[in-house]
Amino acid sequence: MAEKKVQNGFLKKFGKWAPIIGGAWIVLNIVAPLALLRIPAVQKFFVAVGDKLPFDIPGTG
């Protein structure tokens, strides 16, 4: 007789921490940097740092 393969759900297979870690990774690596770039003080800091560089970065003004 053929044995039935048990299909585990995503949460049972990877544990309950996998979606939490995945969501945290997305927030830390995508959402947080984009949110920081909208703050005027952060924008001014990057402009000041860009002006101090000894080389030219194309497309920065």
PDB file of N, CA and C in Angstrom:
ATOM      1  N   MET A   1       0.827  -1.184   0.000  1.00  0.00           N
ATOM      2  CA  MET A   1       0.000   0.000   0.000  1.00  0.00           C
ATOM      3  C   MET A   1       0.872   1.248   0.000  1.00  0.00           C
ATOM      4  N   ALA A   2       0.381   2.247  -0.652  1.00  0.00           N
ATOM      5  CA  ALA A   2       1.128   3.497  -0.723  1.00  0.00           C
ATOM      6  C   ALA A   2       0.996   4.248   0.594  1.00  0.00           C
ATOM      7  N   GLU A   3       2.113   4.745   1.044  1.00  0.00           N
ATOM      8  CA  GLU A   3       2.085   5.529   2.283  1.00  0.00           C
ATOM      9  C   GLU A   3       1.668   6.950   1.968  1.00  0.00           C
ATOM     10  N   LYS A   4       0.890   7.511   2.831  1.00  0.00           N
ATOM     11  CA  LYS A   4       0.439   8.891   2.654  1.00  0.00           C
ATOM     12  C   LYS A   4       1.510   9.830   3.195  1.00  0.00           C
ATOM     13  N   LYS A   5       1.826  10.820   2.407  1.00  0.00           N
ATOM     14  CA  LYS A   5       2.765  11.854   2.864  1.00  0.00           C
ATOM     15  C   LYS A   5       1.986  12.903   3.649  1.00  0.00           C
ATOM     16  N   VAL A   6       2.479  13.198   4.796  1.00  0.00           N
ATOM     17  CA  VAL A   6       1.822  14.201   5.620  1.00  0.00           C
ATOM     18  C   VAL A   6       2.280  15.574   5.158  1.00  0.00           C
ATOM     19  N   GLN A   7       1.342  16.412   4.790  1.00  0.00           N
ATOM     20  CA  GLN A   7       1.676  17.756   4.359  1.00  0.00           C
ATOM     21  C   GLN A   7       1.573  18.692   5.552  1.00  0.00           C
ATOM     22  N   ASN A   8       2.718  19.221   5.921  1.00  0.00           N
ATOM     23  CA  ASN A   8       2.738  20.163   7.040  1.00  0.00           C
ATOM     24  C   ASN A   8       2.452  21.556   6.534  1.00  0.00           C
ATOM     25  N   GLY A   9       1.733  22.313   7.317  1.00  0.00           N
ATOM     26  CA  GLY A   9       1.482  23.703   6.984  1.00  0.00           C
ATOM     27  C   GLY A   9       2.747  24.526   7.165  1.00  0.00           C
ATOM     28  N   PHE A  10       2.718  25.722   6.651  1.00  0.00           N
ATOM     29  CA  PHE A  10       3.901  26.594   6.734  1.00  0.00           C
ATOM     30  C   PHE A  10       4.323  26.828   8.180  1.00  0.00           C
ATOM     31  N   LEU A  11       3.361  27.101   9.042  1.00  0.00           N
ATOM     32  CA  LEU A  11       3.703  27.392  10.433  1.00  0.00           C
ATOM     33  C   LEU A  11       4.215  26.152  11.161  1.00  0.00           C
ATOM     34  N   LYS A  12       3.686  24.985  10.827  1.00  0.00           N
ATOM     35  CA  LYS A  12       4.153  23.766  11.478  1.00  0.00           C
ATOM     36  C   LYS A  12       5.534  23.358  10.963  1.00  0.00           C
ATOM     37  N   LYS A  13       5.790  23.592   9.692  1.00  0.00           N
ATOM     38  CA  LYS A  13       7.059  23.173   9.103  1.00  0.00           C
ATOM     39  C   LYS A  13       8.211  24.055   9.563  1.00  0.00           C
ATOM     40  N   PHE A  14       8.026  25.347   9.555  1.00  0.00           N
ATOM     41  CA  PHE A  14       9.108  26.282   9.869  1.00  0.00           C
ATOM     42  C   PHE A  14       9.006  26.872  11.271  1.00  0.00           C
ATOM     43  N   GLY A  15       7.964  26.584  11.958  1.00  0.00           N
ATOM     44  CA  GLY A  15       7.816  27.131  13.289  1.00  0.00           C
ATOM     45  C   GLY A  15       7.127  28.486  13.248  1.00  0.00           C
ATOM     46  N   LYS A  16       6.717  28.927  14.409  1.00  0.00           N
ATOM     47  CA  LYS A  16       5.991  30.198  14.457  1.00  0.00           C
ATOM     48  C   LYS A  16       6.916  31.394  14.331  1.00  0.00           C
ATOM     49  N   TRP A  17       8.236  31.190  14.436  1.00  0.00           N
ATOM     50  CA  TRP A  17       9.170  32.309  14.394  1.00  0.00           C
ATOM     51  C   TRP A  17       9.543  32.731  12.986  1.00  0.00           C
ATOM     52  N   ALA A  18       9.372  31.876  12.006  1.00  0.00           N
ATOM     53  CA  ALA A  18       9.769  32.201  10.631  1.00  0.00           C
ATOM     54  C   ALA A  18       9.044  33.432  10.086  1.00  0.00           C
ATOM     55  N   PRO A  19       7.726  33.540  10.190  1.00  0.00           N
ATOM     56  CA  PRO A  19       7.063  34.747   9.680  1.00  0.00           C
ATOM     57  C   PRO A  19       7.437  35.999  10.472  1.00  0.00           C
ATOM     58  N   ILE A  20       7.689  35.827  11.756  1.00  0.00           N
ATOM     59  CA  ILE A  20       8.067  36.976  12.584  1.00  0.00           C
ATOM     60  C   ILE A  20       9.446  37.485  12.172  1.00  0.00           C
ATOM     61  N   ILE A  21      10.384  36.569  11.988  1.00  0.00           N
ATOM     62  CA  ILE A  21      11.735  36.961  11.573  1.00  0.00           C
ATOM     63  C   ILE A  21      11.705  37.554  10.165  1.00  0.00           C
ATOM     64  N   GLY A  22      10.920  36.970   9.281  1.00  0.00           N
ATOM     65  CA  GLY A  22      10.800  37.502   7.918  1.00  0.00           C
ATOM     66  C   GLY A  22      10.211  38.904   7.907  1.00  0.00           C
ATOM     67  N   GLY A  23       9.185  39.124   8.698  1.00  0.00           N
ATOM     68  CA  GLY A  23       8.585  40.462   8.782  1.00  0.00           C
ATOM     69  C   GLY A  23       9.538  41.475   9.378  1.00  0.00           C
ATOM     70  N   ALA A  24      10.290  41.058  10.396  1.00  0.00           N
ATOM     71  CA  ALA A  24      11.273  41.963  11.000  1.00  0.00           C
ATOM     72  C   ALA A  24      12.365  42.313  10.007  1.00  0.00           C
ATOM     73  N   TRP A  25      12.782  41.349   9.186  1.00  0.00           N
ATOM     74  CA  TRP A  25      13.825  41.607   8.188  1.00  0.00           C
ATOM     75  C   TRP A  25      13.336  42.643   7.172  1.00  0.00           C
ATOM     76  N   ILE A  26      12.102  42.500   6.739  1.00  0.00           N
ATOM     77  CA  ILE A  26      11.543  43.455   5.772  1.00  0.00           C
ATOM     78  C   ILE A  26      11.475  44.851   6.382  1.00  0.00           C
ATOM     79  N   VAL A  27      11.031  44.943   7.624  1.00  0.00           N
ATOM     80  CA  VAL A  27      10.933  46.250   8.285  1.00  0.00           C
ATOM     81  C   VAL A  27      12.303  46.878   8.449  1.00  0.00           C
ATOM     82  N   LEU A  28      13.284  46.112   8.915  1.00  0.00           N
ATOM     83  CA  LEU A  28      14.610  46.677   9.182  1.00  0.00           C
ATOM     84  C   LEU A  28      15.369  47.042   7.914  1.00  0.00           C
ATOM     85  N   ASN A  29      15.166  46.304   6.841  1.00  0.00           N
ATOM     86  CA  ASN A  29      15.970  46.512   5.641  1.00  0.00           C
ATOM     87  C   ASN A  29      15.281  47.311   4.548  1.00  0.00           C
ATOM     88  N   ILE A  30      13.985  47.474   4.620  1.00  0.00           N
ATOM     89  CA  ILE A  30      13.271  48.210   3.575  1.00  0.00           C
ATOM     90  C   ILE A  30      12.495  49.389   4.157  1.00  0.00           C
ATOM     91  N   VAL A  31      11.640  49.140   5.114  1.00  0.00           N
ATOM     92  CA  VAL A  31      10.745  50.173   5.628  1.00  0.00           C
ATOM     93  C   VAL A  31      11.511  51.234   6.422  1.00  0.00           C
ATOM     94  N   ALA A  32      12.381  50.804   7.322  1.00  0.00           N
ATOM     95  CA  ALA A  32      13.110  51.763   8.169  1.00  0.00           C
ATOM     96  C   ALA A  32      14.015  52.700   7.361  1.00  0.00           C
ATOM     97  N   PRO A  33      14.832  52.194   6.417  1.00  0.00           N
ATOM     98  CA  PRO A  33      15.657  53.130   5.642  1.00  0.00           C
ATOM     99  C   PRO A  33      14.831  54.124   4.823  1.00  0.00           C
ATOM    100  N   LEU A  34      13.736  53.659   4.237  1.00  0.00           N
ATOM    101  CA  LEU A  34      12.896  54.580   3.460  1.00  0.00           C
ATOM    102  C   LEU A  34      12.245  55.619   4.359  1.00  0.00           C
ATOM    103  N   ALA A  35      11.875  55.228   5.566  1.00  0.00           N
ATOM    104  CA  ALA A  35      11.293  56.187   6.504  1.00  0.00           C
ATOM    105  C   ALA A  35      12.342  57.201   6.950  1.00  0.00           C
ATOM    106  N   LEU A  36      13.565  56.748   7.181  1.00  0.00           N
ATOM    107  CA  LEU A  36      14.634  57.670   7.596  1.00  0.00           C
ATOM    108  C   LEU A  36      14.949  58.689   6.514  1.00  0.00           C
ATOM    109  N   LEU A  37      14.888  58.278   5.256  1.00  0.00           N
ATOM    110  CA  LEU A  37      15.206  59.194   4.162  1.00  0.00           C
ATOM    111  C   LEU A  37      14.179  60.309   3.996  1.00  0.00           C
ATOM    112  N   ARG A  38      13.024  60.171   4.611  1.00  0.00           N
ATOM    113  CA  ARG A  38      12.007  61.223   4.531  1.00  0.00           C
ATOM    114  C   ARG A  38      12.194  62.301   5.589  1.00  0.00           C
ATOM    115  N   ILE A  39      13.081  62.091   6.554  1.00  0.00           N
ATOM    116  CA  ILE A  39      13.316  63.059   7.619  1.00  0.00           C
ATOM    117  C   ILE A  39      14.282  64.134   7.104  1.00  0.00           C
ATOM    118  N   PRO A  40      13.911  65.419   7.179  1.00  0.00           N
ATOM    119  CA  PRO A  40      14.764  66.486   6.635  1.00  0.00           C
ATOM    120  C   PRO A  40      16.168  66.522   7.240  1.00  0.00           C
ATOM    121  N   ALA A  41      16.313  66.231   8.514  1.00  0.00           N
ATOM    122  CA  ALA A  41      17.640  66.252   9.140  1.00  0.00           C
ATOM    123  C   ALA A  41      18.546  65.179   8.539  1.00  0.00           C
ATOM    124  N   VAL A  42      17.982  64.034   8.244  1.00  0.00           N
ATOM    125  CA  VAL A  42      18.766  62.957   7.628  1.00  0.00           C
ATOM    126  C   VAL A  42      19.154  63.344   6.206  1.00  0.00           C
ATOM    127  N   GLN A  43      18.245  63.977   5.490  1.00  0.00           N
ATOM    128  CA  GLN A  43      18.551  64.427   4.134  1.00  0.00           C
ATOM    129  C   GLN A  43      19.684  65.453   4.145  1.00  0.00           C
ATOM    130  N   LYS A  44      19.633  66.403   5.080  1.00  0.00           N
ATOM    131  CA  LYS A  44      20.694  67.410   5.185  1.00  0.00           C
ATOM    132  C   LYS A  44      22.031  66.763   5.533  1.00  0.00           C
ATOM    133  N   PHE A  45      22.007  65.744   6.394  1.00  0.00           N
ATOM    134  CA  PHE A  45      23.230  65.044   6.756  1.00  0.00           C
ATOM    135  C   PHE A  45      23.860  64.381   5.534  1.00  0.00           C
ATOM    136  N   PHE A  46      23.048  63.706   4.719  1.00  0.00           N
ATOM    137  CA  PHE A  46      23.585  63.046   3.535  1.00  0.00           C
ATOM    138  C   PHE A  46      24.103  64.043   2.507  1.00  0.00           C
ATOM    139  N   VAL A  47      23.454  65.200   2.399  1.00  0.00           N
ATOM    140  CA  VAL A  47      23.945  66.234   1.494  1.00  0.00           C
ATOM    141  C   VAL A  47      25.295  66.755   1.983  1.00  0.00           C
ATOM    142  N   ALA A  48      25.433  66.974   3.293  1.00  0.00           N
ATOM    143  CA  ALA A  48      26.689  67.459   3.857  1.00  0.00           C
ATOM    144  C   ALA A  48      27.799  66.436   3.672  1.00  0.00           C
ATOM    145  N   VAL A  49      27.496  65.184   3.883  1.00  0.00           N
ATOM    146  CA  VAL A  49      28.508  64.137   3.697  1.00  0.00           C
ATOM    147  C   VAL A  49      28.886  64.031   2.224  1.00  0.00           C
ATOM    148  N   GLY A  50      27.903  64.153   1.347  1.00  0.00           N
ATOM    149  CA  GLY A  50      28.177  64.091  -0.088  1.00  0.00           C
ATOM    150  C   GLY A  50      29.050  65.230  -0.566  1.00  0.00           C
ATOM    151  N   ASP A  51      28.907  66.408   0.051  1.00  0.00           N
ATOM    152  CA  ASP A  51      29.738  67.551  -0.334  1.00  0.00           C
ATOM    153  C   ASP A  51      31.188  67.385   0.117  1.00  0.00           C
ATOM    154  N   LYS A  52      31.418  66.614   1.168  1.00  0.00           N
ATOM    155  CA  LYS A  52      32.771  66.435   1.695  1.00  0.00           C
ATOM    156  C   LYS A  52      33.553  65.340   0.986  1.00  0.00           C
ATOM    157  N   LEU A  53      32.894  64.548   0.149  1.00  0.00           N
ATOM    158  CA  LEU A  53      33.597  63.461  -0.521  1.00  0.00           C
ATOM    159  C   LEU A  53      34.567  64.017  -1.562  1.00  0.00           C
ATOM    160  N   PRO A  54      35.738  63.410  -1.685  1.00  0.00           N
ATOM    161  CA  PRO A  54      36.735  63.917  -2.633  1.00  0.00           C
ATOM    162  C   PRO A  54      36.480  63.503  -4.076  1.00  0.00           C
ATOM    163  N   PHE A  55      35.404  62.806  -4.345  1.00  0.00           N
ATOM    164  CA  PHE A  55      35.094  62.383  -5.705  1.00  0.00           C
ATOM    165  C   PHE A  55      33.631  62.690  -5.993  1.00  0.00           C
ATOM    166  N   ASP A  56      33.280  62.663  -7.287  1.00  0.00           N
ATOM    167  CA  ASP A  56      31.938  63.013  -7.705  1.00  0.00           C
ATOM    168  C   ASP A  56      31.114  61.743  -7.912  1.00  0.00           C
ATOM    169  N   ILE A  57      29.913  61.739  -7.368  1.00  0.00           N
ATOM    170  CA  ILE A  57      28.989  60.625  -7.581  1.00  0.00           C
ATOM    171  C   ILE A  57      27.983  61.082  -8.620  1.00  0.00           C
ATOM    172  N   PRO A  58      27.927  60.425  -9.785  1.00  0.00           N
ATOM    173  CA  PRO A  58      27.000  60.842 -10.820  1.00  0.00           C
ATOM    174  C   PRO A  58      25.544  60.769 -10.339  1.00  0.00           C
ATOM    175  N   GLY A  59      24.776  61.783 -10.673  1.00  0.00           N
ATOM    176  CA  GLY A  59      23.353  61.799 -10.335  1.00  0.00           C
ATOM    177  C   GLY A  59      23.025  62.379  -8.986  1.00  0.00           C
ATOM    178  N   THR A  60      24.016  62.949  -8.289  1.00  0.00           N
ATOM    179  CA  THR A  60      23.736  63.534  -6.971  1.00  0.00           C
ATOM    180  C   THR A  60      23.681  65.053  -7.024  1.00  0.00           C
ATOM    181  N   GLY A  61      23.524  65.610  -8.168  1.00  0.00           N
ATOM    182  CA  GLY A  61      23.354  67.053  -8.242  1.00  0.00           C
ATOM    183  C   GLY A  61      24.473  67.675  -8.891  1.00  0.00           C
TER     184      GLY A  61
END
